[in-house]
Amino acid sequence: LSFYLLAVYGPNQYSHEFFANLVSLYGGHSDRPFLLVGDLNVVHDLVLDCSGRSAYRDLGARRGISYLLSAMDLVDGWRVLHPLERDYIAHGTHSRIDYALLSPQLLAQIAAISHSSIIISDHAMVMVTLDPLEGLSSGSNWRFPS
């Protein structure tokens, strides 16, 4: 199985252009599944992904991530594996703004998606474990998509 890995850091203030650019990038590379990881600086689910104190409650940004999920046909991998769990991974804001969004066809390859302890920054790492590794393409060396 081959897929595109995209690591992103979203703007601190909502930007439609940011989400539109991600969708545009996807349009040129829709031949394989996507795994998009990173800090999107937005809480998608106000009930499960933030406490009342979170600063990441912007309605436009929540619409932006919904647009991204829909347009790129992605799912929130951590939420799929932990449907009702609360895990605030941004220190001080009590929110989950770091994601592992993936194409549904990658779900079968996901052994785990977890969060580390907050050590180096004000965020916990999102760790994605793929299994079985034998299912991944090994016919050629890894390279950036052109």
Protein backbone atom coordinates (compact mmCIF):
# COMPACT_ATOMS: atom_id res chain seq x y z
CA LEU A 1 0.00 0.00 0.00
CA SER A 2 1.38 3.38 -0.92
CA PHE A 3 0.01 6.68 0.33
CA TYR A 4 0.84 10.36 0.63
CA LEU A 5 2.01 11.66 3.99
CA LEU A 6 1.35 15.34 4.52
CA ALA A 7 2.52 17.11 7.70
CA VAL A 8 0.95 20.51 8.27
CA TYR A 9 0.89 23.38 10.71
CA GLY A 10 -2.30 25.42 10.47
CA PRO A 11 -2.48 29.16 11.05
CA ASN A 12 -3.42 30.42 14.51
CA GLN A 13 -6.28 32.42 13.02
CA TYR A 14 -8.80 30.79 10.69
CA SER A 15 -7.83 31.02 7.03
CA HIS A 16 -10.10 29.66 4.32
CA GLU A 17 -7.10 29.88 1.99
CA PHE A 18 -5.18 27.37 4.15
CA PHE A 19 -7.91 24.73 3.86
CA ALA A 20 -8.54 25.52 0.18
CA ASN A 21 -4.82 25.08 -0.59
CA LEU A 22 -4.79 21.66 1.09
CA VAL A 23 -7.80 20.58 -0.94
CA SER A 24 -6.18 21.93 -4.11
CA LEU A 25 -3.00 19.97 -3.37
CA TYR A 26 -5.09 16.85 -2.86
CA GLY A 27 -6.79 17.36 -6.23
CA GLY A 28 -3.46 16.92 -7.98
CA HIS A 29 -2.56 13.80 -5.99
CA SER A 30 -5.81 11.88 -5.56
CA ASP A 31 -4.35 8.68 -7.03
CA ARG A 32 -3.37 7.36 -3.58
CA PRO A 33 -4.73 7.57 -0.04
CA PHE A 34 -3.67 10.44 2.23
CA LEU A 35 -2.41 10.57 5.80
CA LEU A 36 -2.47 14.19 6.92
CA VAL A 37 -0.95 14.85 10.35
CA GLY A 38 -0.29 18.01 12.26
CA ASP A 39 -1.51 20.96 14.25
CA LEU A 40 -4.56 22.45 12.54
CA ASN A 41 -5.20 24.94 15.37
CA VAL A 42 -8.91 24.12 15.41
CA VAL A 43 -11.21 22.00 17.55
CA HIS A 44 -13.53 20.00 15.33
CA ASP A 45 -15.91 18.60 17.97
CA LEU A 46 -16.72 21.12 20.70
CA VAL A 47 -18.27 18.47 22.94
CA LEU A 48 -15.47 15.88 22.90
CA ASP A 49 -12.36 17.79 21.87
CA CYS A 50 -12.21 20.77 24.21
CA SER A 51 -13.08 21.99 27.64
CA GLY A 52 -15.06 25.17 28.09
CA ARG A 53 -11.78 27.08 28.37
CA SER A 54 -10.45 26.32 24.88
CA ALA A 55 -9.42 29.22 22.67
CA TYR A 56 -9.89 27.10 19.50
CA ARG A 57 -13.68 27.32 19.18
CA ASP A 58 -13.89 29.46 16.01
CA LEU A 59 -16.94 28.52 13.90
CA GLY A 60 -15.20 29.38 10.61
CA ALA A 61 -12.26 27.13 11.47
CA ARG A 62 -14.60 24.27 12.42
CA ARG A 63 -16.30 24.69 9.06
CA GLY A 64 -12.85 24.70 7.44
CA ILE A 65 -11.89 21.34 8.92
CA SER A 66 -15.32 19.91 8.01
CA TYR A 67 -14.76 21.13 4.43
CA LEU A 68 -11.30 19.52 4.42
CA LEU A 69 -12.64 16.17 5.66
CA SER A 70 -15.45 16.18 3.11
CA ALA A 71 -13.53 17.45 0.07
CA MET A 72 -10.57 15.11 0.60
CA ASP A 73 -12.73 12.20 1.83
CA LEU A 74 -10.76 11.94 5.07
CA VAL A 75 -11.69 10.72 8.54
CA ASP A 76 -10.30 11.70 11.92
CA GLY A 77 -8.37 8.51 12.61
CA TRP A 78 -7.98 9.07 16.35
CA ARG A 79 -11.69 9.79 16.73
CA VAL A 80 -12.60 6.64 14.75
CA LEU A 81 -10.47 4.53 17.11
CA HIS A 82 -11.54 6.45 20.26
CA PRO A 83 -15.13 7.52 19.54
CA LEU A 84 -16.00 8.88 22.99
CA GLU A 85 -12.60 9.51 24.59
CA ARG A 86 -11.43 12.94 25.66
CA ASP A 87 -7.71 13.61 25.35
CA TYR A 88 -6.62 17.22 25.42
CA ILE A 89 -3.21 17.35 23.79
CA ALA A 90 -2.58 21.09 23.68
CA HIS A 91 -1.27 22.12 27.10
CA GLY A 92 -2.97 25.07 28.70
CA THR A 93 -5.87 25.18 26.21
CA HIS A 94 -7.45 21.83 27.12
CA SER A 95 -8.18 20.96 23.52
CA ARG A 96 -7.38 18.47 20.78
CA ILE A 97 -6.08 20.48 17.82
CA ASP A 98 -3.47 18.00 16.53
CA TYR A 99 -4.80 15.40 14.13
CA ALA A 100 -4.15 12.30 12.09
CA LEU A 101 -6.64 12.60 9.24
CA LEU A 102 -6.64 9.76 6.77
CA SER A 103 -8.34 8.25 3.79
CA PRO A 104 -10.79 5.53 4.89
CA GLN A 105 -8.91 2.86 2.90
CA LEU A 106 -5.94 3.35 5.27
CA LEU A 107 -7.99 2.43 8.36
CA ALA A 108 -7.23 -1.27 7.89
CA GLN A 109 -3.49 -0.48 8.07
CA ILE A 110 -3.73 1.52 11.31
CA ALA A 111 -2.71 -0.46 14.40
CA ALA A 112 -2.92 2.52 16.75
CA ILE A 113 -3.15 6.27 16.95
CA SER A 114 -2.05 7.65 20.28
CA HIS A 115 -0.79 10.80 21.96
CA SER A 116 2.50 11.12 23.81
CA SER A 117 3.08 12.99 27.03
CA ILE A 118 3.71 16.70 26.62
CA ILE A 119 7.49 17.00 26.94
CA ILE A 120 9.18 19.22 24.38
CA SER A 121 6.52 21.78 23.42
CA ASP A 122 3.03 22.76 24.48
CA HIS A 123 1.61 19.92 22.37
CA ALA A 124 1.63 16.15 22.64
CA MET A 125 2.83 14.20 19.63
CA VAL A 126 0.27 12.33 17.57
CA MET A 127 1.72 8.89 16.92
CA VAL A 128 0.37 6.72 14.11
CA THR A 129 1.35 3.05 14.07
CA LEU A 130 0.89 1.27 10.76
CA ASP A 131 0.49 -2.51 10.75
CA PRO A 132 1.21 -4.82 9.11
CA LEU A 133 4.33 -3.32 7.59
CA GLU A 134 4.29 -6.14 5.04
CA GLY A 135 1.21 -4.50 3.57
CA LEU A 136 3.15 -1.40 2.64
CA SER A 137 4.72 -1.14 -0.76
CA SER A 138 8.39 -2.15 -0.71
CA GLY A 139 9.04 -2.32 -4.42
CA SER A 140 10.91 0.98 -4.60
CA ASN A 141 12.59 3.59 -2.45
CA TRP A 142 10.44 6.22 -0.78
CA ARG A 143 10.44 9.64 -2.45
CA PHE A 144 8.52 12.89 -2.34
CA PRO A 145 5.66 13.00 -4.86
CA SER A 146 6.46 15.15 -7.87
